C-alpha atoms as a PDB file:
ATOM      1  CA  MET A   1      43.969 104.469  68.620  1.00  0.00           C
ATOM      2  CA  ARG A   2      46.098 104.559  71.443  1.00  0.00           C
ATOM      3  CA  ARG A   3      48.518 102.446  69.737  1.00  0.00           C
ATOM      4  CA  ILE A   4      48.747 104.539  66.802  1.00  0.00           C
ATOM      5  CA  ALA A   5      49.281 107.696  68.963  1.00  0.00           C
ATOM      6  CA  LEU A   6      52.186 105.590  70.920  1.00  0.00           C
ATOM      7  CA  PHE A   7      53.779 104.585  67.457  1.00  0.00           C
ATOM      8  CA  CYS A   8      54.189 108.171  66.229  1.00  0.00           C
ATOM      9  CA  GLY A   9      55.257 109.335  69.630  1.00  0.00           C
ATOM     10  CA  LEU A  10      58.246 106.779  69.496  1.00  0.00           C
ATOM     11  CA  LEU A  11      58.804 107.306  65.728  1.00  0.00           C
ATOM     12  CA  ALA A  12      59.298 111.197  66.571  1.00  0.00           C
ATOM     13  CA  VAL A  13      61.553 110.554  69.358  1.00  0.00           C
ATOM     14  CA  THR A  14      63.678 108.021  67.416  1.00  0.00           C
ATOM     15  CA  ALA A  15      63.904 110.715  64.427  1.00  0.00           C
ATOM     16  CA  CYS A  16      65.184 113.384  66.615  1.00  0.00           C
ATOM     17  CA  SER A  17      67.558 111.478  68.787  1.00  0.00           C
ATOM     18  CA  GLY A  18      70.940 112.299  68.199  1.00  0.00           C
ATOM     19  CA  SER A  19      73.862 110.104  66.531  1.00  0.00           C
ATOM     20  CA  THR A  20      77.375 110.035  65.342  1.00  0.00           C
ATOM     21  CA  GLU A  21      78.772 108.920  61.993  1.00  0.00           C
ATOM     22  CA  VAL A  22      81.879 108.578  60.590  1.00  0.00           C
ATOM     23  CA  VAL A  23      81.890 110.212  57.547  1.00  0.00           C
ATOM     24  CA  GLU A  24      85.768 110.556  56.451  1.00  0.00           C
ATOM     25  CA  ASN A  25      88.110 107.987  57.507  1.00  0.00           C
ATOM     26  CA  SER A  26      91.670 107.995  56.601  1.00  0.00           C
ATOM     27  CA  PRO A  27      95.061 107.304  58.449  1.00  0.00           C
ATOM     28  CA  THR A  28      95.682 111.309  58.511  1.00  0.00           C
ATOM     29  CA  ALA A  29      92.087 112.583  59.195  1.00  0.00           C
ATOM     30  CA  VAL A  30      88.686 111.808  60.406  1.00  0.00           C
ATOM     31  CA  THR A  31      85.430 113.553  59.981  1.00  0.00           C
ATOM     32  CA  VAL A  32      82.380 112.790  62.148  1.00  0.00           C
ATOM     33  CA  LYS A  33      78.887 114.013  61.659  1.00  0.00           C
ATOM     34  CA  PHE A  34      77.094 114.670  64.931  1.00  0.00           C
ATOM     35  CA  GLY A  35      73.825 116.538  66.127  1.00  0.00           C
ATOM     36  CA  GLY A  36      70.408 115.976  67.278  1.00  0.00           C
ATOM     37  CA  PHE A  37      69.008 115.533  70.733  1.00  0.00           C
ATOM     38  CA  GLY A  38      71.689 114.197  72.917  1.00  0.00           C
ATOM     39  CA  THR A  39      74.965 114.365  71.184  1.00  0.00           C
ATOM     40  CA  ASP A  40      77.712 116.881  70.892  1.00  0.00           C
ATOM     41  CA  ILE A  41      81.228 117.497  70.015  1.00  0.00           C
ATOM     42  CA  ASP A  42      82.433 115.152  73.094  1.00  0.00           C
ATOM     43  CA  ASP A  43      80.381 112.452  71.576  1.00  0.00           C
ATOM     44  CA  ALA A  44      82.129 113.102  68.162  1.00  0.00           C
ATOM     45  CA  THR A  45      85.460 113.257  69.819  1.00  0.00           C
ATOM     46  CA  GLN A  46      85.280 109.832  71.514  1.00  0.00           C
ATOM     47  CA  LEU A  47      84.171 108.516  68.253  1.00  0.00           C
ATOM     48  CA  ALA A  48      87.313 110.137  66.342  1.00  0.00           C
ATOM     49  CA  GLN A  49      89.566 108.997  68.809  1.00  0.00           C
ATOM     50  CA  LYS A  50      88.609 105.074  68.381  1.00  0.00           C
ATOM     51  CA  VAL A  51      88.850 105.352  64.644  1.00  0.00           C
ATOM     52  CA  CYS A  52      92.233 107.122  64.933  1.00  0.00           C
ATOM     53  CA  ALA A  53      93.456 104.565  67.442  1.00  0.00           C
ATOM     54  CA  SER A  54      92.716 101.970  64.831  1.00  0.00           C
ATOM     55  CA  HIS A  55      95.355 103.640  62.752  1.00  0.00           C
ATOM     56  CA  GLY A  56      97.785 103.855  65.792  1.00  0.00           C
ATOM     57  CA  LYS A  57      97.008 107.536  66.330  1.00  0.00           C
ATOM     58  CA  THR A  58      95.328 110.280  68.541  1.00  0.00           C
ATOM     59  CA  ALA A  59      92.495 112.460  67.219  1.00  0.00           C
ATOM     60  CA  ARG A  60      93.317 116.127  67.583  1.00  0.00           C
ATOM     61  CA  LEU A  61      90.183 118.522  66.538  1.00  0.00           C
ATOM     62  CA  ARG A  62      90.970 120.666  63.626  1.00  0.00           C
ATOM     63  CA  ARG A  63      87.523 122.425  63.313  1.00  0.00           C
ATOM     64  CA  VAL A  64      83.713 122.341  63.630  1.00  0.00           C
ATOM     65  CA  ASN A  65      81.317 122.951  61.094  1.00  0.00           C
ATOM     66  CA  ASP A  66      77.658 124.082  61.836  1.00  0.00           C
ATOM     67  CA  GLU A  67      75.349 123.392  58.936  1.00  0.00           C
ATOM     68  CA  GLY A  68      71.976 124.045  60.651  1.00  0.00           C
ATOM     69  CA  ILE A  69      69.972 122.241  63.382  1.00  0.00           C
ATOM     70  CA  GLY A  70      71.167 118.432  63.888  1.00  0.00           C
ATOM     71  CA  ARG A  71      73.878 118.810  61.244  1.00  0.00           C
ATOM     72  CA  HIS A  72      77.280 119.483  62.653  1.00  0.00           C
ATOM     73  CA  PHE A  73      80.809 118.188  61.551  1.00  0.00           C
ATOM     74  CA  GLY A  74      83.683 117.689  63.350  1.00  0.00           C
ATOM     75  CA  HIS A  75      87.118 117.520  61.538  1.00  0.00           C
ATOM     76  CA  PHE A  76      89.951 115.805  63.389  1.00  0.00           C
ATOM     77  CA  ASP A  77      93.422 114.962  62.292  1.00  0.00           C
ATOM     78  CA  CYS A  78      94.922 111.713  63.414  1.00  0.00           C
ATOM     79  CA  VAL A  79      98.294 112.381  64.851  1.00  0.00           C
END
């Protein structure tokens, strides 16, 4: 019974953990989805910088869309 409780607790923490994910990637723009526990616009910016750098450019934040708890999108221009 204790193992089941531990497994359920770990599953809940994993489901709420934050993540960043690139949802658009072109030489001119990058969109990063972020949210959940432990991620914010700074994490999205770091990922966007890496993606834009792969195109020889730098990420510049254009806007942030908040679409509810844990669903945020950072839209960046690669300049």
